[in-house]
C-alpha atoms as a PDB file:
ATOM      1  CA  MET A   1    -288.820 -66.838  34.609  1.00  0.00           C
ATOM      2  CA  ARG A   2    -285.223 -66.798  35.821  1.00  0.00           C
ATOM      3  CA  ALA A   3    -282.945 -69.732  36.513  1.00  0.00           C
ATOM      4  CA  MET A   4    -279.990 -70.366  38.756  1.00  0.00           C
ATOM      5  CA  ILE A   5    -277.337 -72.916  37.845  1.00  0.00           C
ATOM      6  CA  LEU A   6    -275.123 -74.284  40.608  1.00  0.00           C
ATOM      7  CA  ALA A   7    -271.571 -74.407  39.253  1.00  0.00           C
ATOM      8  CA  ALA A   8    -269.270 -73.729  42.209  1.00  0.00           C
ATOM      9  CA  GLY A   9    -268.190 -77.211  43.268  1.00  0.00           C
ATOM     10  CA  LEU A  10    -264.581 -78.329  43.640  1.00  0.00           C
ATOM     11  CA  GLY A  11    -265.006 -81.548  41.668  1.00  0.00           C
ATOM     12  CA  TYR A  12    -262.726 -83.555  43.959  1.00  0.00           C
ATOM     13  CA  ARG A  13    -263.960 -86.913  42.678  1.00  0.00           C
ATOM     14  CA  MET A  14    -263.239 -85.863  39.084  1.00  0.00           C
ATOM     15  CA  ARG A  15    -259.547 -85.197  39.647  1.00  0.00           C
ATOM     16  CA  PRO A  16    -257.103 -84.986  37.961  1.00  0.00           C
ATOM     17  CA  LEU A  17    -259.433 -83.617  35.223  1.00  0.00           C
ATOM     18  CA  THR A  18    -260.741 -80.870  37.487  1.00  0.00           C
ATOM     19  CA  LEU A  19    -257.366 -79.621  38.663  1.00  0.00           C
ATOM     20  CA  LYS A  20    -257.337 -77.239  35.708  1.00  0.00           C
ATOM     21  CA  ILE A  21    -260.907 -77.449  34.415  1.00  0.00           C
ATOM     22  CA  PRO A  22    -263.939 -76.793  36.657  1.00  0.00           C
ATOM     23  CA  LYS A  23    -266.420 -79.671  36.465  1.00  0.00           C
ATOM     24  CA  PRO A  24    -269.179 -77.672  34.698  1.00  0.00           C
ATOM     25  CA  MET A  25    -266.691 -76.956  31.885  1.00  0.00           C
ATOM     26  CA  LEU A  26    -265.879 -80.595  31.140  1.00  0.00           C
ATOM     27  CA  PRO A  27    -266.878 -81.336  27.554  1.00  0.00           C
ATOM     28  CA  ILE A  28    -269.778 -83.555  26.529  1.00  0.00           C
ATOM     29  CA  ALA A  29    -270.667 -83.908  22.842  1.00  0.00           C
ATOM     30  CA  GLY A  30    -268.189 -81.173  21.972  1.00  0.00           C
ATOM     31  CA  LYS A  31    -269.378 -78.517  24.454  1.00  0.00           C
ATOM     32  CA  PRO A  32    -268.960 -77.786  28.155  1.00  0.00           C
ATOM     33  CA  VAL A  33    -271.792 -79.403  30.092  1.00  0.00           C
ATOM     34  CA  LEU A  34    -272.748 -75.957  31.411  1.00  0.00           C
ATOM     35  CA  GLN A  35    -273.181 -74.690  27.857  1.00  0.00           C
ATOM     36  CA  HIS A  36    -275.696 -77.440  27.175  1.00  0.00           C
ATOM     37  CA  HIS A  37    -277.747 -76.248  30.169  1.00  0.00           C
ATOM     38  CA  ILE A  38    -277.576 -72.616  29.082  1.00  0.00           C
ATOM     39  CA  GLU A  39    -278.612 -73.362  25.516  1.00  0.00           C
ATOM     40  CA  ARG A  40    -281.510 -75.551  26.629  1.00  0.00           C
ATOM     41  CA  LEU A  41    -282.759 -72.850  28.984  1.00  0.00           C
ATOM     42  CA  ALA A  42    -282.569 -70.251  26.236  1.00  0.00           C
ATOM     43  CA  LYS A  43    -284.531 -72.555  23.935  1.00  0.00           C
ATOM     44  CA  VAL A  44    -287.471 -72.697  26.361  1.00  0.00           C
ATOM     45  CA  GLY A  45    -287.428 -68.930  26.919  1.00  0.00           C
ATOM     46  CA  VAL A  46    -285.493 -68.757  30.186  1.00  0.00           C
ATOM     47  CA  ARG A  47    -282.843 -66.151  29.403  1.00  0.00           C
ATOM     48  CA  GLU A  48    -282.079 -64.435  32.719  1.00  0.00           C
ATOM     49  CA  LEU A  49    -279.569 -66.646  34.487  1.00  0.00           C
ATOM     50  CA  ILE A  50    -277.675 -66.497  37.758  1.00  0.00           C
ATOM     51  CA  ILE A  51    -274.671 -68.828  38.011  1.00  0.00           C
ATOM     52  CA  ASN A  52    -272.595 -69.270  41.141  1.00  0.00           C
ATOM     53  CA  THR A  53    -268.870 -69.934  40.824  1.00  0.00           C
ATOM     54  CA  HIS A  54    -265.925 -70.646  43.091  1.00  0.00           C
ATOM     55  CA  TRP A  55    -263.350 -73.195  41.904  1.00  0.00           C
ATOM     56  CA  LEU A  56    -261.507 -71.779  38.853  1.00  0.00           C
ATOM     57  CA  ALA A  57    -264.295 -69.209  38.631  1.00  0.00           C
ATOM     58  CA  HIS A  58    -262.521 -67.109  36.018  1.00  0.00           C
ATOM     59  CA  THR A  59    -262.429 -70.078  33.629  1.00  0.00           C
ATOM     60  CA  ILE A  60    -266.227 -70.261  33.601  1.00  0.00           C
ATOM     61  CA  GLU A  61    -266.863 -66.517  33.670  1.00  0.00           C
ATOM     62  CA  ASP A  62    -264.352 -65.720  30.915  1.00  0.00           C
ATOM     63  CA  TYR A  63    -265.909 -68.347  28.624  1.00  0.00           C
ATOM     64  CA  PHE A  64    -269.534 -67.268  28.974  1.00  0.00           C
ATOM     65  CA  LYS A  65    -269.010 -63.586  29.883  1.00  0.00           C
ATOM     66  CA  THR A  66    -272.397 -61.804  29.930  1.00  0.00           C
ATOM     67  CA  GLY A  67    -274.073 -64.690  28.102  1.00  0.00           C
ATOM     68  CA  GLU A  68    -275.002 -62.570  25.067  1.00  0.00           C
ATOM     69  CA  THR A  69    -273.262 -64.948  22.650  1.00  0.00           C
ATOM     70  CA  PHE A  70    -275.441 -67.772  23.967  1.00  0.00           C
ATOM     71  CA  GLY A  71    -278.713 -65.860  23.811  1.00  0.00           C
ATOM     72  CA  VAL A  72    -278.996 -65.199  27.545  1.00  0.00           C
ATOM     73  CA  SER A  73    -278.065 -62.665  30.193  1.00  0.00           C
ATOM     74  CA  ILE A  74    -275.828 -64.023  32.962  1.00  0.00           C
ATOM     75  CA  MET A  75    -275.292 -62.560  36.401  1.00  0.00           C
ATOM     76  CA  TRP A  76    -272.401 -64.161  38.272  1.00  0.00           C
ATOM     77  CA  SER A  77    -272.518 -64.978  41.980  1.00  0.00           C
ATOM     78  CA  ARG A  78    -268.904 -65.669  42.865  1.00  0.00           C
ATOM     79  CA  GLU A  79    -268.331 -67.274  46.245  1.00  0.00           C
ATOM     80  CA  SER A  80    -265.107 -66.582  48.155  1.00  0.00           C
ATOM     81  CA  HIS A  81    -265.689 -69.943  49.834  1.00  0.00           C
ATOM     82  CA  LEU A  82    -268.234 -72.634  49.111  1.00  0.00           C
ATOM     83  CA  LEU A  83    -271.699 -71.922  50.511  1.00  0.00           C
ATOM     84  CA  ASP A  84    -273.288 -75.298  49.650  1.00  0.00           C
ATOM     85  CA  THR A  85    -276.537 -75.458  47.711  1.00  0.00           C
ATOM     86  CA  GLY A  86    -278.781 -73.626  50.175  1.00  0.00           C
ATOM     87  CA  GLY A  87    -276.290 -70.922  51.022  1.00  0.00           C
ATOM     88  CA  ALA A  88    -275.608 -70.349  47.336  1.00  0.00           C
ATOM     89  CA  VAL A  89    -279.254 -69.573  46.632  1.00  0.00           C
ATOM     90  CA  VAL A  90    -279.551 -67.257  49.649  1.00  0.00           C
ATOM     91  CA  ALA A  91    -276.460 -65.338  48.520  1.00  0.00           C
ATOM     92  CA  ALA A  92    -277.946 -64.923  45.038  1.00  0.00           C
ATOM     93  CA  LEU A  93    -281.481 -64.141  46.229  1.00  0.00           C
ATOM     94  CA  PRO A  94    -281.435 -60.400  45.362  1.00  0.00           C
ATOM     95  CA  ALA A  95    -280.782 -61.313  41.713  1.00  0.00           C
ATOM     96  CA  LEU A  96    -283.456 -63.996  41.521  1.00  0.00           C
ATOM     97  CA  GLY A  97    -286.425 -61.662  41.793  1.00  0.00           C
ATOM     98  CA  ALA A  98    -289.871 -62.224  43.302  1.00  0.00           C
ATOM     99  CA  ASP A  99    -291.224 -64.907  40.974  1.00  0.00           C
ATOM    100  CA  PRO A 100    -290.609 -68.682  41.096  1.00  0.00           C
ATOM    101  CA  PHE A 101    -287.253 -69.652  39.611  1.00  0.00           C
ATOM    102  CA  LEU A 102    -285.662 -72.764  38.170  1.00  0.00           C
ATOM    103  CA  LEU A 103    -282.695 -74.308  39.966  1.00  0.00           C
ATOM    104  CA  LEU A 104    -280.344 -76.682  38.167  1.00  0.00           C
ATOM    105  CA  ASN A 105    -277.242 -78.531  39.246  1.00  0.00           C
ATOM    106  CA  GLY A 106    -274.480 -77.728  36.781  1.00  0.00           C
ATOM    107  CA  ASP A 107    -273.064 -81.259  36.849  1.00  0.00           C
ATOM    108  CA  ILE A 108    -276.005 -83.324  35.614  1.00  0.00           C
ATOM    109  CA  TRP A 109    -276.836 -84.623  32.152  1.00  0.00           C
ATOM    110  CA  THR A 110    -280.462 -85.198  31.237  1.00  0.00           C
ATOM    111  CA  ASP A 111    -283.035 -84.952  28.482  1.00  0.00           C
ATOM    112  CA  TYR A 112    -285.752 -83.849  30.912  1.00  0.00           C
ATOM    113  CA  PRO A 113    -288.042 -81.365  29.077  1.00  0.00           C
ATOM    114  CA  LEU A 114    -287.359 -78.092  30.876  1.00  0.00           C
ATOM    115  CA  GLU A 115    -290.414 -76.519  29.304  1.00  0.00           C
ATOM    116  CA  ARG A 116    -292.518 -78.713  31.590  1.00  0.00           C
ATOM    117  CA  LEU A 117    -291.264 -76.848  34.664  1.00  0.00           C
ATOM    118  CA  VAL A 118    -291.642 -73.497  32.944  1.00  0.00           C
ATOM    119  CA  GLU A 119    -295.193 -74.137  31.743  1.00  0.00           C
ATOM    120  CA  ASN A 120    -296.539 -75.914  34.811  1.00  0.00           C
ATOM    121  CA  GLY A 121    -295.154 -73.484  37.378  1.00  0.00           C
ATOM    122  CA  LEU A 122    -296.049 -73.915  41.038  1.00  0.00           C
ATOM    123  CA  GLY A 123    -299.524 -74.599  42.351  1.00  0.00           C
ATOM    124  CA  ASN A 124    -301.207 -72.497  45.011  1.00  0.00           C
ATOM    125  CA  HIS A 125    -299.639 -72.960  48.455  1.00  0.00           C
ATOM    126  CA  ILE A 126    -296.713 -74.938  46.971  1.00  0.00           C
ATOM    127  CA  ASP A 127    -293.198 -73.803  47.864  1.00  0.00           C
ATOM    128  CA  ALA A 128    -291.186 -76.035  45.551  1.00  0.00           C
ATOM    129  CA  HIS A 129    -291.435 -78.750  42.909  1.00  0.00           C
ATOM    130  CA  LEU A 130    -288.709 -81.393  42.636  1.00  0.00           C
ATOM    131  CA  VAL A 131    -287.793 -83.694  39.781  1.00  0.00           C
ATOM    132  CA  LEU A 132    -286.873 -87.125  41.150  1.00  0.00           C
ATOM    133  CA  VAL A 133    -285.318 -90.115  39.419  1.00  0.00           C
ATOM    134  CA  GLU A 134    -284.897 -93.776  40.225  1.00  0.00           C
ATOM    135  CA  ASN A 135    -281.889 -94.439  42.440  1.00  0.00           C
ATOM    136  CA  PRO A 136    -278.740 -95.075  40.388  1.00  0.00           C
ATOM    137  CA  GLU A 137    -276.808 -98.306  40.833  1.00  0.00           C
ATOM    138  CA  ASP A 138    -274.325 -96.753  43.255  1.00  0.00           C
ATOM    139  CA  LYS A 139    -277.006 -95.123  45.453  1.00  0.00           C
ATOM    140  CA  LEU A 140    -279.404 -97.641  46.966  1.00  0.00           C
ATOM    141  CA  THR A 141    -281.188 -95.193  49.263  1.00  0.00           C
ATOM    142  CA  GLY A 142    -282.850 -92.138  47.775  1.00  0.00           C
ATOM    143  CA  ASP A 143    -283.357 -88.608  49.073  1.00  0.00           C
ATOM    144  CA  PHE A 144    -287.147 -88.390  49.314  1.00  0.00           C
ATOM    145  CA  SER A 145    -290.300 -90.454  49.097  1.00  0.00           C
ATOM    146  CA  MET A 146    -293.419 -89.336  47.232  1.00  0.00           C
ATOM    147  CA  SER A 147    -297.113 -89.899  47.763  1.00  0.00           C
ATOM    148  CA  ARG A 148    -299.794 -88.517  45.421  1.00  0.00           C
ATOM    149  CA  ARG A 149    -297.286 -86.067  43.975  1.00  0.00           C
ATOM    150  CA  LYS A 150    -296.423 -84.715  47.429  1.00  0.00           C
ATOM    151  CA  VAL A 151    -292.783 -85.124  48.444  1.00  0.00           C
ATOM    152  CA  THR A 152    -292.275 -86.685  51.863  1.00  0.00           C
ATOM    153  CA  LEU A 153    -289.219 -87.171  54.026  1.00  0.00           C
ATOM    154  CA  LEU A 154    -287.543 -90.500  53.470  1.00  0.00           C
ATOM    155  CA  ASN A 155    -288.346 -93.272  55.907  1.00  0.00           C
ATOM    156  CA  THR A 156    -285.788 -95.987  55.206  1.00  0.00           C
ATOM    157  CA  ASP A 157    -287.797 -98.461  57.237  1.00  0.00           C
ATOM    158  CA  VAL A 158    -290.619 -98.215  54.700  1.00  0.00           C
ATOM    159  CA  SER A 159    -289.212 -97.119  51.381  1.00  0.00           C
ATOM    160  CA  LEU A 160    -285.931 -96.722  49.544  1.00  0.00           C
ATOM    161  CA  GLY A 161    -287.330 -93.541  48.024  1.00  0.00           C
ATOM    162  CA  HIS A 162    -286.087 -91.690  44.963  1.00  0.00           C
ATOM    163  CA  THR A 163    -283.037 -89.560  44.165  1.00  0.00           C
ATOM    164  CA  PHE A 164    -283.301 -85.800  43.703  1.00  0.00           C
ATOM    165  CA  ALA A 165    -282.345 -85.078  40.097  1.00  0.00           C
ATOM    166  CA  GLY A 166    -280.886 -81.616  40.671  1.00  0.00           C
ATOM    167  CA  LEU A 167    -283.805 -79.995  38.817  1.00  0.00           C
ATOM    168  CA  SER A 168    -286.406 -78.000  40.712  1.00  0.00           C
ATOM    169  CA  LEU A 169    -288.674 -74.971  40.840  1.00  0.00           C
ATOM    170  CA  TRP A 170    -288.782 -72.710  43.923  1.00  0.00           C
ATOM    171  CA  ARG A 171    -290.576 -69.758  45.441  1.00  0.00           C
ATOM    172  CA  PRO A 172    -287.876 -67.279  46.489  1.00  0.00           C
ATOM    173  CA  GLU A 173    -289.746 -66.149  49.604  1.00  0.00           C
ATOM    174  CA  ILE A 174    -289.051 -69.416  51.422  1.00  0.00           C
ATOM    175  CA  PHE A 175    -285.365 -68.491  51.404  1.00  0.00           C
ATOM    176  CA  ALA A 176    -285.972 -65.024  52.845  1.00  0.00           C
ATOM    177  CA  LYS A 177    -285.778 -66.036  56.511  1.00  0.00           C
ATOM    178  CA  PHE A 178    -282.275 -67.435  55.986  1.00  0.00           C
ATOM    179  CA  LYS A 179    -279.360 -65.036  56.319  1.00  0.00           C
ATOM    180  CA  ALA A 180    -276.592 -64.672  53.776  1.00  0.00           C
ATOM    181  CA  ASP A 181    -273.995 -64.891  56.525  1.00  0.00           C
ATOM    182  CA  ASP A 182    -271.467 -66.964  54.557  1.00  0.00           C
ATOM    183  CA  LYS A 183    -272.241 -70.118  56.525  1.00  0.00           C
ATOM    184  CA  PRO A 184    -272.627 -73.065  54.130  1.00  0.00           C
ATOM    185  CA  PHE A 185    -275.775 -75.165  54.345  1.00  0.00           C
ATOM    186  CA  PRO A 186    -277.673 -77.490  51.967  1.00  0.00           C
ATOM    187  CA  LEU A 187    -281.027 -76.966  50.298  1.00  0.00           C
ATOM    188  CA  LYS A 188    -282.469 -79.660  52.539  1.00  0.00           C
ATOM    189  CA  ASN A 189    -282.262 -77.277  55.509  1.00  0.00           C
ATOM    190  CA  ILE A 190    -284.755 -75.057  53.715  1.00  0.00           C
ATOM    191  CA  LEU A 191    -286.797 -77.810  52.135  1.00  0.00           C
ATOM    192  CA  ASN A 192    -287.524 -79.953  55.184  1.00  0.00           C
ATOM    193  CA  HIS A 193    -289.927 -77.438  56.758  1.00  0.00           C
ATOM    194  CA  SER A 194    -291.973 -77.104  53.567  1.00  0.00           C
ATOM    195  CA  VAL A 195    -292.023 -80.867  53.094  1.00  0.00           C
ATOM    196  CA  LYS A 196    -293.482 -81.333  56.577  1.00  0.00           C
ATOM    197  CA  LEU A 197    -296.190 -78.785  55.719  1.00  0.00           C
ATOM    198  CA  GLU A 198    -296.980 -80.746  52.498  1.00  0.00           C
ATOM    199  CA  ARG A 199    -296.003 -77.756  50.393  1.00  0.00           C
ATOM    200  CA  VAL A 200    -293.569 -79.574  48.094  1.00  0.00           C
ATOM    201  CA  THR A 201    -294.654 -81.506  45.009  1.00  0.00           C
ATOM    202  CA  GLY A 202    -292.598 -83.890  42.917  1.00  0.00           C
ATOM    203  CA  GLU A 203    -292.514 -86.007  39.811  1.00  0.00           C
ATOM    204  CA  LEU A 204    -290.605 -89.154  38.931  1.00  0.00           C
ATOM    205  CA  TYR A 205    -288.716 -88.798  35.651  1.00  0.00           C
ATOM    206  CA  MET A 206    -287.915 -92.046  33.860  1.00  0.00           C
ATOM    207  CA  GLY A 207    -285.863 -90.616  31.000  1.00  0.00           C
ATOM    208  CA  ASN A 208    -282.158 -90.066  30.528  1.00  0.00           C
ATOM    209  CA  TRP A 209    -280.376 -88.687  33.597  1.00  0.00           C
ATOM    210  CA  CYS A 210    -276.841 -88.879  34.945  1.00  0.00           C
ATOM    211  CA  ASP A 211    -275.098 -87.244  37.868  1.00  0.00           C
ATOM    212  CA  ILE A 212    -271.566 -86.567  36.634  1.00  0.00           C
ATOM    213  CA  GLY A 213    -270.198 -87.295  40.072  1.00  0.00           C
ATOM    214  CA  ASP A 214    -266.949 -89.126  39.403  1.00  0.00           C
ATOM    215  CA  LEU A 215    -264.560 -90.132  36.652  1.00  0.00           C
ATOM    216  CA  SER A 216    -266.187 -93.473  35.937  1.00  0.00           C
ATOM    217  CA  ARG A 217    -269.619 -91.901  35.361  1.00  0.00           C
ATOM    218  CA  TYR A 218    -268.137 -89.180  33.196  1.00  0.00           C
ATOM    219  CA  LYS A 219    -266.239 -91.655  31.026  1.00  0.00           C
ATOM    220  CA  ARG A 220    -269.327 -93.839  30.696  1.00  0.00           C
ATOM    221  CA  LEU A 221    -271.391 -90.819  29.680  1.00  0.00           C
ATOM    222  CA  LEU A 222    -268.855 -89.883  26.989  1.00  0.00           C
ATOM    223  CA  THR A 223    -269.354 -93.263  25.344  1.00  0.00           C
ATOM    224  CA  GLN A 224    -273.118 -92.727  25.263  1.00  0.00           C
ATOM    225  CA  THR A 225    -273.242 -89.215  23.782  1.00  0.00           C
END
């Protein structure tokens, strides 16, 4: 199984730290957060990685190089301009192969057991599997609802839903109809159709998870690790 890590963001809300350091390279417990992801993937046997870059791309690429030092093989997908999460995957699709792949946000911190996604895979007629978490304090409305493990579109009149954790498993073929035409678009543009067809499963993870979205969250995380 291959994995793609999204690491191209500008990190505006983390400035001034991210003026010279891309957000995935900010240290946690003595290592860049991206290194933690790479090492955890290698530990569960996922060693073919695709990582997209944009802001201060050379800083990330020069540190990890081919990935050999970290027990993996890295293919870089450098974006001349940001393609958003959906566009990033479409641009990297030739490198992702024909089998289901893991997709991770490079700016999260979690103890979710990645081997669960690797071992469980995707069921028949399922396009994607999402890891969801309870909504953090600063995000009252979630991204999706869930019923009997099937992910459903959020209806704010009925449910506050759950937040997408930035961890997921995907079939590459559902991206094939989208063109790599350098127009940015989010994963939700791809996901919504499959959700309506009841082809997306989910799970609610109650363990440790943090979206390193701004300075206050990052500083709080540093005190906890």
